[in-house]
Amino acid sequence: EELLGYIDVAVVAERLCEQMELTPAEML
């Protein structure tokens, strides 16, 4: 979560969505 503050292009897996309890659309 801290790292994302310095990222231009974030390509994540569905697994991260599940771990953060977000749908893929919510993750976007």
mmCIF file of all heavy atoms, coordinates in Angstrom:
data_MODEL
# 
_entry.id   MODEL 
# 
loop_
_atom_site.group_PDB 
_atom_site.id 
_atom_site.type_symbol 
_atom_site.label_atom_id 
_atom_site.label_alt_id 
_atom_site.label_comp_id 
_atom_site.label_asym_id 
_atom_site.label_entity_id 
_atom_site.label_seq_id 
_atom_site.pdbx_PDB_ins_code 
_atom_site.Cartn_x 
_atom_site.Cartn_y 
_atom_site.Cartn_z 
_atom_site.occupancy 
_atom_site.B_iso_or_equiv 
_atom_site.pdbx_formal_charge 
_atom_site.auth_seq_id 
_atom_site.auth_comp_id 
_atom_site.auth_asym_id 
_atom_site.auth_atom_id 
_atom_site.pdbx_PDB_model_num 
ATOM 1   N N   . GLU A 1 1  ? 0.821   -1.215  0.000   1.00 0.00 ? 1  GLU A N   1 
ATOM 2   C CA  . GLU A 1 1  ? 0.000   0.000   0.000   1.00 0.00 ? 1  GLU A CA  1 
ATOM 3   C C   . GLU A 1 1  ? 0.850   1.259   0.000   1.00 0.00 ? 1  GLU A C   1 
ATOM 4   O O   . GLU A 1 1  ? 0.530   2.237   -0.685  1.00 0.00 ? 1  GLU A O   1 
ATOM 5   C CB  . GLU A 1 1  ? -0.958  -0.042  1.187   1.00 0.00 ? 1  GLU A CB  1 
ATOM 6   C CG  . GLU A 1 1  ? -1.960  -1.188  1.080   1.00 0.00 ? 1  GLU A CG  1 
ATOM 7   C CD  . GLU A 1 1  ? -3.060  -1.116  2.122   1.00 0.00 ? 1  GLU A CD  1 
ATOM 8   O OE1 . GLU A 1 1  ? -3.767  -0.106  2.154   1.00 0.00 ? 1  GLU A OE1 1 
ATOM 9   O OE2 . GLU A 1 1  ? -3.204  -2.082  2.895   1.00 0.00 ? 1  GLU A OE2 1 
ATOM 10  N N   . GLU A 1 2  ? 1.960   1.259   0.734   1.00 0.00 ? 2  GLU A N   1 
ATOM 11  C CA  . GLU A 1 2  ? 2.853   2.421   0.709   1.00 0.00 ? 2  GLU A CA  1 
ATOM 12  C C   . GLU A 1 2  ? 3.528   2.544   -0.653  1.00 0.00 ? 2  GLU A C   1 
ATOM 13  O O   . GLU A 1 2  ? 3.659   3.649   -1.206  1.00 0.00 ? 2  GLU A O   1 
ATOM 14  C CB  . GLU A 1 2  ? 3.903   2.304   1.808   1.00 0.00 ? 2  GLU A CB  1 
ATOM 15  C CG  . GLU A 1 2  ? 4.823   3.521   1.891   1.00 0.00 ? 2  GLU A CG  1 
ATOM 16  C CD  . GLU A 1 2  ? 5.842   3.429   3.012   1.00 0.00 ? 2  GLU A CD  1 
ATOM 17  O OE1 . GLU A 1 2  ? 5.950   2.348   3.630   1.00 0.00 ? 2  GLU A OE1 1 
ATOM 18  O OE2 . GLU A 1 2  ? 6.538   4.431   3.258   1.00 0.00 ? 2  GLU A OE2 1 
ATOM 19  N N   . LEU A 1 3  ? 3.937   1.416   -1.209  1.00 0.00 ? 3  LEU A N   1 
ATOM 20  C CA  . LEU A 1 3  ? 4.631   1.408   -2.486  1.00 0.00 ? 3  LEU A CA  1 
ATOM 21  C C   . LEU A 1 3  ? 3.770   1.982   -3.604  1.00 0.00 ? 3  LEU A C   1 
ATOM 22  O O   . LEU A 1 3  ? 4.271   2.680   -4.493  1.00 0.00 ? 3  LEU A O   1 
ATOM 23  C CB  . LEU A 1 3  ? 5.037   -0.034  -2.812  1.00 0.00 ? 3  LEU A CB  1 
ATOM 24  C CG  . LEU A 1 3  ? 6.077   -0.289  -3.896  1.00 0.00 ? 3  LEU A CG  1 
ATOM 25  C CD1 . LEU A 1 3  ? 7.362   0.456   -3.620  1.00 0.00 ? 3  LEU A CD1 1 
ATOM 26  C CD2 . LEU A 1 3  ? 6.340   -1.785  -4.011  1.00 0.00 ? 3  LEU A CD2 1 
ATOM 27  N N   . LEU A 1 4  ? 2.474   1.717   -3.559  1.00 0.00 ? 4  LEU A N   1 
ATOM 28  C CA  . LEU A 1 4  ? 1.583   2.183   -4.621  1.00 0.00 ? 4  LEU A CA  1 
ATOM 29  C C   . LEU A 1 4  ? 1.569   3.699   -4.756  1.00 0.00 ? 4  LEU A C   1 
ATOM 30  O O   . LEU A 1 4  ? 1.229   4.224   -5.822  1.00 0.00 ? 4  LEU A O   1 
ATOM 31  C CB  . LEU A 1 4  ? 0.161   1.670   -4.379  1.00 0.00 ? 4  LEU A CB  1 
ATOM 32  C CG  . LEU A 1 4  ? -0.080  0.207   -4.760  1.00 0.00 ? 4  LEU A CG  1 
ATOM 33  C CD1 . LEU A 1 4  ? -1.429  -0.266  -4.243  1.00 0.00 ? 4  LEU A CD1 1 
ATOM 34  C CD2 . LEU A 1 4  ? 0.013   0.021   -6.274  1.00 0.00 ? 4  LEU A CD2 1 
ATOM 35  N N   . GLY A 1 5  ? 1.945   4.400   -3.726  1.00 0.00 ? 5  GLY A N   1 
ATOM 36  C CA  . GLY A 1 5  ? 2.010   5.856   -3.796  1.00 0.00 ? 5  GLY A CA  1 
ATOM 37  C C   . GLY A 1 5  ? 3.109   6.367   -4.705  1.00 0.00 ? 5  GLY A C   1 
ATOM 38  O O   . GLY A 1 5  ? 3.152   7.570   -5.008  1.00 0.00 ? 5  GLY A O   1 
ATOM 39  N N   . TYR A 1 6  ? 3.984   5.469   -5.146  1.00 0.00 ? 6  TYR A N   1 
ATOM 40  C CA  . TYR A 1 6  ? 5.112   5.870   -6.008  1.00 0.00 ? 6  TYR A CA  1 
ATOM 41  C C   . TYR A 1 6  ? 5.118   5.089   -7.326  1.00 0.00 ? 6  TYR A C   1 
ATOM 42  O O   . TYR A 1 6  ? 6.143   5.055   -8.009  1.00 0.00 ? 6  TYR A O   1 
ATOM 43  C CB  . TYR A 1 6  ? 6.433   5.647   -5.262  1.00 0.00 ? 6  TYR A CB  1 
ATOM 44  C CG  . TYR A 1 6  ? 6.503   6.391   -3.954  1.00 0.00 ? 6  TYR A CG  1 
ATOM 45  C CD1 . TYR A 1 6  ? 6.134   5.774   -2.761  1.00 0.00 ? 6  TYR A CD1 1 
ATOM 46  C CD2 . TYR A 1 6  ? 6.895   7.730   -3.913  1.00 0.00 ? 6  TYR A CD2 1 
ATOM 47  C CE1 . TYR A 1 6  ? 6.170   6.455   -1.559  1.00 0.00 ? 6  TYR A CE1 1 
ATOM 48  C CE2 . TYR A 1 6  ? 6.934   8.420   -2.710  1.00 0.00 ? 6  TYR A CE2 1 
ATOM 49  C CZ  . TYR A 1 6  ? 6.569   7.778   -1.538  1.00 0.00 ? 6  TYR A CZ  1 
ATOM 50  O OH  . TYR A 1 6  ? 6.599   8.463   -0.355  1.00 0.00 ? 6  TYR A OH  1 
ATOM 51  N N   . ILE A 1 7  ? 3.984   4.503   -7.681  1.00 0.00 ? 7  ILE A N   1 
ATOM 52  C CA  . ILE A 1 7  ? 3.919   3.637   -8.863  1.00 0.00 ? 7  ILE A CA  1 
ATOM 53  C C   . ILE A 1 7  ? 3.086   4.291   -9.965  1.00 0.00 ? 7  ILE A C   1 
ATOM 54  O O   . ILE A 1 7  ? 1.987   4.776   -9.732  1.00 0.00 ? 7  ILE A O   1 
ATOM 55  C CB  . ILE A 1 7  ? 3.313   2.271   -8.488  1.00 0.00 ? 7  ILE A CB  1 
ATOM 56  C CG1 . ILE A 1 7  ? 4.215   1.547   -7.488  1.00 0.00 ? 7  ILE A CG1 1 
ATOM 57  C CG2 . ILE A 1 7  ? 3.078   1.423   -9.729  1.00 0.00 ? 7  ILE A CG2 1 
ATOM 58  C CD1 . ILE A 1 7  ? 5.615   1.253   -7.995  1.00 0.00 ? 7  ILE A CD1 1 
ATOM 59  N N   . ASP A 1 8  ? 3.638   4.283   -11.182 1.00 0.00 ? 8  ASP A N   1 
ATOM 60  C CA  . ASP A 1 8  ? 2.928   4.817   -12.343 1.00 0.00 ? 8  ASP A CA  1 
ATOM 61  C C   . ASP A 1 8  ? 2.040   3.766   -12.999 1.00 0.00 ? 8  ASP A C   1 
ATOM 62  O O   . ASP A 1 8  ? 0.921   4.061   -13.423 1.00 0.00 ? 8  ASP A O   1 
ATOM 63  C CB  . ASP A 1 8  ? 3.932   5.332   -13.382 1.00 0.00 ? 8  ASP A CB  1 
ATOM 64  C CG  . ASP A 1 8  ? 4.776   6.482   -12.863 1.00 0.00 ? 8  ASP A CG  1 
ATOM 65  O OD1 . ASP A 1 8  ? 4.197   7.417   -12.275 1.00 0.00 ? 8  ASP A OD1 1 
ATOM 66  O OD2 . ASP A 1 8  ? 6.010   6.441   -13.032 1.00 0.00 ? 8  ASP A OD2 1 
ATOM 67  N N   . VAL A 1 9  ? 2.560   2.531   -13.106 1.00 0.00 ? 9  VAL A N   1 
ATOM 68  C CA  . VAL A 1 9  ? 1.838   1.451   -13.779 1.00 0.00 ? 9  VAL A CA  1 
ATOM 69  C C   . VAL A 1 9  ? 1.749   0.277   -12.806 1.00 0.00 ? 9  VAL A C   1 
ATOM 70  O O   . VAL A 1 9  ? 2.751   -0.360  -12.503 1.00 0.00 ? 9  VAL A O   1 
ATOM 71  C CB  . VAL A 1 9  ? 2.553   1.009   -15.069 1.00 0.00 ? 9  VAL A CB  1 
ATOM 72  C CG1 . VAL A 1 9  ? 1.772   -0.108  -15.759 1.00 0.00 ? 9  VAL A CG1 1 
ATOM 73  C CG2 . VAL A 1 9  ? 2.746   2.193   -16.006 1.00 0.00 ? 9  VAL A CG2 1 
ATOM 74  N N   . ALA A 1 10 ? 0.553   0.009   -12.311 1.00 0.00 ? 10 ALA A N   1 
ATOM 75  C CA  . ALA A 1 10 ? 0.336   -1.093  -11.370 1.00 0.00 ? 10 ALA A CA  1 
ATOM 76  C C   . ALA A 1 10 ? -0.522  -2.146  -12.038 1.00 0.00 ? 10 ALA A C   1 
ATOM 77  O O   . ALA A 1 10 ? -1.683  -1.886  -12.370 1.00 0.00 ? 10 ALA A O   1 
ATOM 78  C CB  . ALA A 1 10 ? -0.333  -0.590  -10.093 1.00 0.00 ? 10 ALA A CB  1 
ATOM 79  N N   . VAL A 1 11 ? 0.055   -3.325  -12.245 1.00 0.00 ? 11 VAL A N   1 
ATOM 80  C CA  . VAL A 1 11 ? -0.682  -4.442  -12.839 1.00 0.00 ? 11 VAL A CA  1 
ATOM 81  C C   . VAL A 1 11 ? -0.739  -5.536  -11.780 1.00 0.00 ? 11 VAL A C   1 
ATOM 82  O O   . VAL A 1 11 ? 0.285   -6.114  -11.414 1.00 0.00 ? 11 VAL A O   1 
ATOM 83  C CB  . VAL A 1 11 ? -0.003  -4.949  -14.120 1.00 0.00 ? 11 VAL A CB  1 
ATOM 84  C CG1 . VAL A 1 11 ? -0.787  -6.119  -14.715 1.00 0.00 ? 11 VAL A CG1 1 
ATOM 85  C CG2 . VAL A 1 11 ? 0.106   -3.825  -15.143 1.00 0.00 ? 11 VAL A CG2 1 
ATOM 86  N N   . VAL A 1 12 ? -1.932  -5.795  -11.276 1.00 0.00 ? 12 VAL A N   1 
ATOM 87  C CA  . VAL A 1 12 ? -2.086  -6.675  -10.120 1.00 0.00 ? 12 VAL A CA  1 
ATOM 88  C C   . VAL A 1 12 ? -2.915  -7.903  -10.488 1.00 0.00 ? 12 VAL A C   1 
ATOM 89  O O   . VAL A 1 12 ? -3.629  -7.916  -11.484 1.00 0.00 ? 12 VAL A O   1 
ATOM 90  C CB  . VAL A 1 12 ? -2.725  -5.929  -8.927  1.00 0.00 ? 12 VAL A CB  1 
ATOM 91  C CG1 . VAL A 1 12 ? -2.000  -4.621  -8.663  1.00 0.00 ? 12 VAL A CG1 1 
ATOM 92  C CG2 . VAL A 1 12 ? -4.206  -5.668  -9.159  1.00 0.00 ? 12 VAL A CG2 1 
ATOM 93  N N   . ALA A 1 13 ? -2.808  -8.921  -9.654  1.00 0.00 ? 13 ALA A N   1 
ATOM 94  C CA  . ALA A 1 13 ? -3.542  -10.168 -9.876  1.00 0.00 ? 13 ALA A CA  1 
ATOM 95  C C   . ALA A 1 13 ? -4.847  -10.170 -9.096  1.00 0.00 ? 13 ALA A C   1 
ATOM 96  O O   . ALA A 1 13 ? -5.023  -9.412  -8.138  1.00 0.00 ? 13 ALA A O   1 
ATOM 97  C CB  . ALA A 1 13 ? -2.667  -11.349 -9.453  1.00 0.00 ? 13 ALA A CB  1 
ATOM 98  N N   . GLU A 1 14 ? -5.751  -11.067 -9.492  1.00 0.00 ? 14 GLU A N   1 
ATOM 99  C CA  . GLU A 1 14 ? -7.006  -11.231 -8.750  1.00 0.00 ? 14 GLU A CA  1 
ATOM 100 C C   . GLU A 1 14 ? -6.742  -11.587 -7.290  1.00 0.00 ? 14 GLU A C   1 
ATOM 101 O O   . GLU A 1 14 ? -7.529  -11.248 -6.410  1.00 0.00 ? 14 GLU A O   1 
ATOM 102 C CB  . GLU A 1 14 ? -7.853  -12.324 -9.393  1.00 0.00 ? 14 GLU A CB  1 
ATOM 103 C CG  . GLU A 1 14 ? -8.762  -11.842 -10.501 1.00 0.00 ? 14 GLU A CG  1 
ATOM 104 C CD  . GLU A 1 14 ? -9.754  -12.891 -10.915 1.00 0.00 ? 14 GLU A CD  1 
ATOM 105 O OE1 . GLU A 1 14 ? -9.333  -13.876 -11.550 1.00 0.00 ? 14 GLU A OE1 1 
ATOM 106 O OE2 . GLU A 1 14 ? -10.958 -12.733 -10.613 1.00 0.00 ? 14 GLU A OE2 1 
ATOM 107 N N   . ARG A 1 15 ? -5.644  -12.280 -7.048  1.00 0.00 ? 15 ARG A N   1 
ATOM 108 C CA  . ARG A 1 15 ? -5.305  -12.667 -5.675  1.00 0.00 ? 15 ARG A CA  1 
ATOM 109 C C   . ARG A 1 15 ? -5.186  -11.441 -4.784  1.00 0.00 ? 15 ARG A C   1 
ATOM 110 O O   . ARG A 1 15 ? -5.637  -11.454 -3.635  1.00 0.00 ? 15 ARG A O   1 
ATOM 111 C CB  . ARG A 1 15 ? -4.001  -13.463 -5.678  1.00 0.00 ? 15 ARG A CB  1 
ATOM 112 C CG  . ARG A 1 15 ? -3.502  -13.877 -4.292  1.00 0.00 ? 15 ARG A CG  1 
ATOM 113 C CD  . ARG A 1 15 ? -2.383  -14.879 -4.407  1.00 0.00 ? 15 ARG A CD  1 
ATOM 114 N NE  . ARG A 1 15 ? -1.756  -15.138 -3.129  1.00 0.00 ? 15 ARG A NE  1 
ATOM 115 C CZ  . ARG A 1 15 ? -0.539  -14.739 -2.787  1.00 0.00 ? 15 ARG A CZ  1 
ATOM 116 N NH1 . ARG A 1 15 ? 0.193   -14.051 -3.645  1.00 0.00 ? 15 ARG A NH1 1 
ATOM 117 N NH2 . ARG A 1 15 ? -0.026  -15.022 -1.614  1.00 0.00 ? 15 ARG A NH2 1 
ATOM 118 N N   . LEU A 1 16 ? -4.587  -10.365 -5.282  1.00 0.00 ? 16 LEU A N   1 
ATOM 119 C CA  . LEU A 1 16 ? -4.475  -9.150  -4.482  1.00 0.00 ? 16 LEU A CA  1 
ATOM 120 C C   . LEU A 1 16 ? -5.858  -8.570  -4.206  1.00 0.00 ? 16 LEU A C   1 
ATOM 121 O O   . LEU A 1 16 ? -6.127  -8.081  -3.103  1.00 0.00 ? 16 LEU A O   1 
ATOM 122 C CB  . LEU A 1 16 ? -3.586  -8.123  -5.182  1.00 0.00 ? 16 LEU A CB  1 
ATOM 123 C CG  . LEU A 1 16 ? -3.371  -6.816  -4.411  1.00 0.00 ? 16 LEU A CG  1 
ATOM 124 C CD1 . LEU A 1 16 ? -2.639  -7.066  -3.098  1.00 0.00 ? 16 LEU A CD1 1 
ATOM 125 C CD2 . LEU A 1 16 ? -2.603  -5.797  -5.263  1.00 0.00 ? 16 LEU A CD2 1 
ATOM 126 N N   . CYS A 1 17 ? -6.747  -8.617  -5.198  1.00 0.00 ? 17 CYS A N   1 
ATOM 127 C CA  . CYS A 1 17 ? -8.122  -8.144  -4.987  1.00 0.00 ? 17 CYS A CA  1 
ATOM 128 C C   . CYS A 1 17 ? -8.770  -8.919  -3.837  1.00 0.00 ? 17 CYS A C   1 
ATOM 129 O O   . CYS A 1 17 ? -9.410  -8.323  -2.954  1.00 0.00 ? 17 CYS A O   1 
ATOM 130 C CB  . CYS A 1 17 ? -8.952  -8.324  -6.255  1.00 0.00 ? 17 CYS A CB  1 
ATOM 131 S SG  . CYS A 1 17 ? -8.353  -7.433  -7.699  1.00 0.00 ? 17 CYS A SG  1 
ATOM 132 N N   . GLU A 1 18 ? -8.602  -10.233 -3.849  1.00 0.00 ? 18 GLU A N   1 
ATOM 133 C CA  . GLU A 1 18 ? -9.196  -11.074 -2.806  1.00 0.00 ? 18 GLU A CA  1 
ATOM 134 C C   . GLU A 1 18 ? -8.600  -10.743 -1.442  1.00 0.00 ? 18 GLU A C   1 
ATOM 135 O O   . GLU A 1 18 ? -9.330  -10.645 -0.438  1.00 0.00 ? 18 GLU A O   1 
ATOM 136 C CB  . GLU A 1 18 ? -8.960  -12.545 -3.147  1.00 0.00 ? 18 GLU A CB  1 
ATOM 137 C CG  . GLU A 1 18 ? -9.705  -12.996 -4.399  1.00 0.00 ? 18 GLU A CG  1 
ATOM 138 C CD  . GLU A 1 18 ? -9.201  -14.318 -4.929  1.00 0.00 ? 18 GLU A CD  1 
ATOM 139 O OE1 . GLU A 1 18 ? -8.251  -14.872 -4.326  1.00 0.00 ? 18 GLU A OE1 1 
ATOM 140 O OE2 . GLU A 1 18 ? -9.733  -14.800 -5.950  1.00 0.00 ? 18 GLU A OE2 1 
ATOM 141 N N   . GLN A 1 19 ? -7.290  -10.560 -1.393  1.00 0.00 ? 19 GLN A N   1 
ATOM 142 C CA  . GLN A 1 19 ? -6.627  -10.266 -0.116  1.00 0.00 ? 19 GLN A CA  1 
ATOM 143 C C   . GLN A 1 19 ? -7.063  -8.921  0.447   1.00 0.00 ? 19 GLN A C   1 
ATOM 144 O O   . GLN A 1 19 ? -7.145  -8.749  1.662   1.00 0.00 ? 19 GLN A O   1 
ATOM 145 C CB  . GLN A 1 19 ? -5.110  -10.305 -0.294  1.00 0.00 ? 19 GLN A CB  1 
ATOM 146 C CG  . GLN A 1 19 ? -4.560  -11.703 -0.535  1.00 0.00 ? 19 GLN A CG  1 
ATOM 147 C CD  . GLN A 1 19 ? -3.084  -11.683 -0.893  1.00 0.00 ? 19 GLN A CD  1 
ATOM 148 O OE1 . GLN A 1 19 ? -2.606  -10.782 -1.575  1.00 0.00 ? 19 GLN A OE1 1 
ATOM 149 N NE2 . GLN A 1 19 ? -2.355  -12.681 -0.424  1.00 0.00 ? 19 GLN A NE2 1 
ATOM 150 N N   . MET A 1 20 ? -7.358  -7.958  -0.428  1.00 0.00 ? 20 MET A N   1 
ATOM 151 C CA  . MET A 1 20 ? -7.784  -6.637  0.009   1.00 0.00 ? 20 MET A CA  1 
ATOM 152 C C   . MET A 1 20 ? -9.302  -6.490  0.046   1.00 0.00 ? 20 MET A C   1 
ATOM 153 O O   . MET A 1 20 ? -9.812  -5.405  0.318   1.00 0.00 ? 20 MET A O   1 
ATOM 154 C CB  . MET A 1 20 ? -7.160  -5.571  -0.905  1.00 0.00 ? 20 MET A CB  1 
ATOM 155 C CG  . MET A 1 20 ? -5.642  -5.518  -0.822  1.00 0.00 ? 20 MET A CG  1 
ATOM 156 S SD  . MET A 1 20 ? -4.893  -4.204  -1.841  1.00 0.00 ? 20 MET A SD  1 
ATOM 157 C CE  . MET A 1 20 ? -5.528  -2.734  -1.017  1.00 0.00 ? 20 MET A CE  1 
ATOM 158 N N   . GLU A 1 21 ? -10.002 -7.613  -0.240  1.00 0.00 ? 21 GLU A N   1 
ATOM 159 C CA  . GLU A 1 21 ? -11.468 -7.650  -0.207  1.00 0.00 ? 21 GLU A CA  1 
ATOM 160 C C   . GLU A 1 21 ? -12.076 -6.595  -1.132  1.00 0.00 ? 21 GLU A C   1 
ATOM 161 O O   . GLU A 1 21 ? -12.997 -5.862  -0.767  1.00 0.00 ? 21 GLU A O   1 
ATOM 162 C CB  . GLU A 1 21 ? -11.981 -7.500  1.227   1.00 0.00 ? 21 GLU A CB  1 
ATOM 163 C CG  . GLU A 1 21 ? -11.507 -8.629  2.149   1.00 0.00 ? 21 GLU A CG  1 
ATOM 164 C CD  . GLU A 1 21 ? -12.063 -8.513  3.556   1.00 0.00 ? 21 GLU A CD  1 
ATOM 165 O OE1 . GLU A 1 21 ? -12.579 -7.441  3.908   1.00 0.00 ? 21 GLU A OE1 1 
ATOM 166 O OE2 . GLU A 1 21 ? -11.990 -9.513  4.298   1.00 0.00 ? 21 GLU A OE2 1 
ATOM 167 N N   . LEU A 1 22 ? -11.546 -6.553  -2.357  1.00 0.00 ? 22 LEU A N   1 
ATOM 168 C CA  . LEU A 1 22 ? -12.044 -5.658  -3.389  1.00 0.00 ? 22 LEU A CA  1 
ATOM 169 C C   . LEU A 1 22 ? -12.396 -6.477  -4.620  1.00 0.00 ? 22 LEU A C   1 
ATOM 170 O O   . LEU A 1 22 ? -11.741 -7.473  -4.926  1.00 0.00 ? 22 LEU A O   1 
ATOM 171 C CB  . LEU A 1 22 ? -10.976 -4.619  -3.769  1.00 0.00 ? 22 LEU A CB  1 
ATOM 172 C CG  . LEU A 1 22 ? -10.502 -3.646  -2.692  1.00 0.00 ? 22 LEU A CG  1 
ATOM 173 C CD1 . LEU A 1 22 ? -9.330  -2.825  -3.212  1.00 0.00 ? 22 LEU A CD1 1 
ATOM 174 C CD2 . LEU A 1 22 ? -11.640 -2.733  -2.261  1.00 0.00 ? 22 LEU A CD2 1 
ATOM 175 N N   . THR A 1 23 ? -13.417 -6.061  -5.340  1.00 0.00 ? 23 THR A N   1 
ATOM 176 C CA  . THR A 1 23 ? -13.672 -6.645  -6.644  1.00 0.00 ? 23 THR A CA  1 
ATOM 177 C C   . THR A 1 23 ? -12.619 -6.102  -7.612  1.00 0.00 ? 23 THR A C   1 
ATOM 178 O O   . THR A 1 23 ? -11.976 -5.071  -7.333  1.00 0.00 ? 23 THR A O   1 
ATOM 179 C CB  . THR A 1 23 ? -15.063 -6.272  -7.160  1.00 0.00 ? 23 THR A CB  1 
ATOM 180 O OG1 . THR A 1 23 ? -15.106 -4.856  -7.413  1.00 0.00 ? 23 THR A OG1 1 
ATOM 181 C CG2 . THR A 1 23 ? -16.147 -6.663  -6.158  1.00 0.00 ? 23 THR A CG2 1 
ATOM 182 N N   . PRO A 1 24 ? -12.410 -6.756  -8.762  1.00 0.00 ? 24 PRO A N   1 
ATOM 183 C CA  . PRO A 1 24 ? -11.471 -6.196  -9.733  1.00 0.00 ? 24 PRO A CA  1 
ATOM 184 C C   . PRO A 1 24 ? -11.809 -4.757  -10.127 1.00 0.00 ? 24 PRO A C   1 
ATOM 185 O O   . PRO A 1 24 ? -10.908 -3.918  -10.256 1.00 0.00 ? 24 PRO A O   1 
ATOM 186 C CB  . PRO A 1 24 ? -11.597 -7.162  -10.919 1.00 0.00 ? 24 PRO A CB  1 
ATOM 187 C CG  . PRO A 1 24 ? -11.901 -8.477  -10.272 1.00 0.00 ? 24 PRO A CG  1 
ATOM 188 C CD  . PRO A 1 24 ? -12.832 -8.119  -9.138  1.00 0.00 ? 24 PRO A CD  1 
ATOM 189 N N   . ALA A 1 25 ? -13.081 -4.450  -10.299 1.00 0.00 ? 25 ALA A N   1 
ATOM 190 C CA  . ALA A 1 25 ? -13.466 -3.078  -10.651 1.00 0.00 ? 25 ALA A CA  1 
ATOM 191 C C   . ALA A 1 25 ? -13.137 -2.109  -9.514  1.00 0.00 ? 25 ALA A C   1 
ATOM 192 O O   . ALA A 1 25 ? -12.668 -0.983  -9.757  1.00 0.00 ? 25 ALA A O   1 
ATOM 193 C CB  . ALA A 1 25 ? -14.958 -3.016  -10.986 1.00 0.00 ? 25 ALA A CB  1 
ATOM 194 N N   . GLU A 1 26 ? -13.388 -2.524  -8.292  1.00 0.00 ? 26 GLU A N   1 
ATOM 195 C CA  . GLU A 1 26 ? -13.045 -1.684  -7.143  1.00 0.00 ? 26 GLU A CA  1 
ATOM 196 C C   . GLU A 1 26 ? -11.538 -1.503  -7.026  1.00 0.00 ? 26 GLU A C   1 
ATOM 197 O O   . GLU A 1 26 ? -11.064 -0.433  -6.617  1.00 0.00 ? 26 GLU A O   1 
ATOM 198 C CB  . GLU A 1 26 ? -13.608 -2.299  -5.862  1.00 0.00 ? 26 GLU A CB  1 
ATOM 199 C CG  . GLU A 1 26 ? -15.128 -2.226  -5.765  1.00 0.00 ? 26 GLU A CG  1 
ATOM 200 C CD  . GLU A 1 26 ? -15.680 -3.062  -4.623  1.00 0.00 ? 26 GLU A CD  1 
ATOM 201 O OE1 . GLU A 1 26 ? -14.966 -3.976  -4.117  1.00 0.00 ? 26 GLU A OE1 1 
ATOM 202 O OE2 . GLU A 1 26 ? -16.842 -2.811  -4.229  1.00 0.00 ? 26 GLU A OE2 1 
ATOM 203 N N   . MET A 1 27 ? -10.781 -2.537  -7.392  1.00 0.00 ? 27 MET A N   1 
ATOM 204 C CA  . MET A 1 27 ? -9.326  -2.420  -7.357  1.00 0.00 ? 27 MET A CA  1 
ATOM 205 C C   . MET A 1 27 ? -8.848  -1.356  -8.342  1.00 0.00 ? 27 MET A C   1 
ATOM 206 O O   . MET A 1 27 ? -7.951  -0.562  -8.029  1.00 0.00 ? 27 MET A O   1 
ATOM 207 C CB  . MET A 1 27 ? -8.685  -3.763  -7.683  1.00 0.00 ? 27 MET A CB  1 
ATOM 208 C CG  . MET A 1 27 ? -7.151  -3.716  -7.772  1.00 0.00 ? 27 MET A CG  1 
ATOM 209 S SD  . MET A 1 27 ? -6.320  -3.175  -6.247  1.00 0.00 ? 27 MET A SD  1 
ATOM 210 C CE  . MET A 1 27 ? -6.460  -4.670  -5.259  1.00 0.00 ? 27 MET A CE  1 
ATOM 211 N N   . LEU A 1 28 ? -9.446  -1.311  -9.535  1.00 0.00 ? 28 LEU A N   1 
ATOM 212 C CA  . LEU A 1 28 ? -9.069  -0.282  -10.504 1.00 0.00 ? 28 LEU A CA  1 
ATOM 213 C C   . LEU A 1 28 ? -9.313  1.112   -9.928  1.00 0.00 ? 28 LEU A C   1 
ATOM 214 O O   . LEU A 1 28 ? -8.469  2.014   -10.068 1.00 0.00 ? 28 LEU A O   1 
ATOM 215 C CB  . LEU A 1 28 ? -9.845  -0.457  -11.800 1.00 0.00 ? 28 LEU A CB  1 
ATOM 216 C CG  . LEU A 1 28 ? -9.566  -1.707  -12.629 1.00 0.00 ? 28 LEU A CG  1 
ATOM 217 C CD1 . LEU A 1 28 ? -10.330 -1.633  -13.956 1.00 0.00 ? 28 LEU A CD1 1 
ATOM 218 C CD2 . LEU A 1 28 ? -8.084  -1.891  -12.880 1.00 0.00 ? 28 LEU A CD2 1 
# 
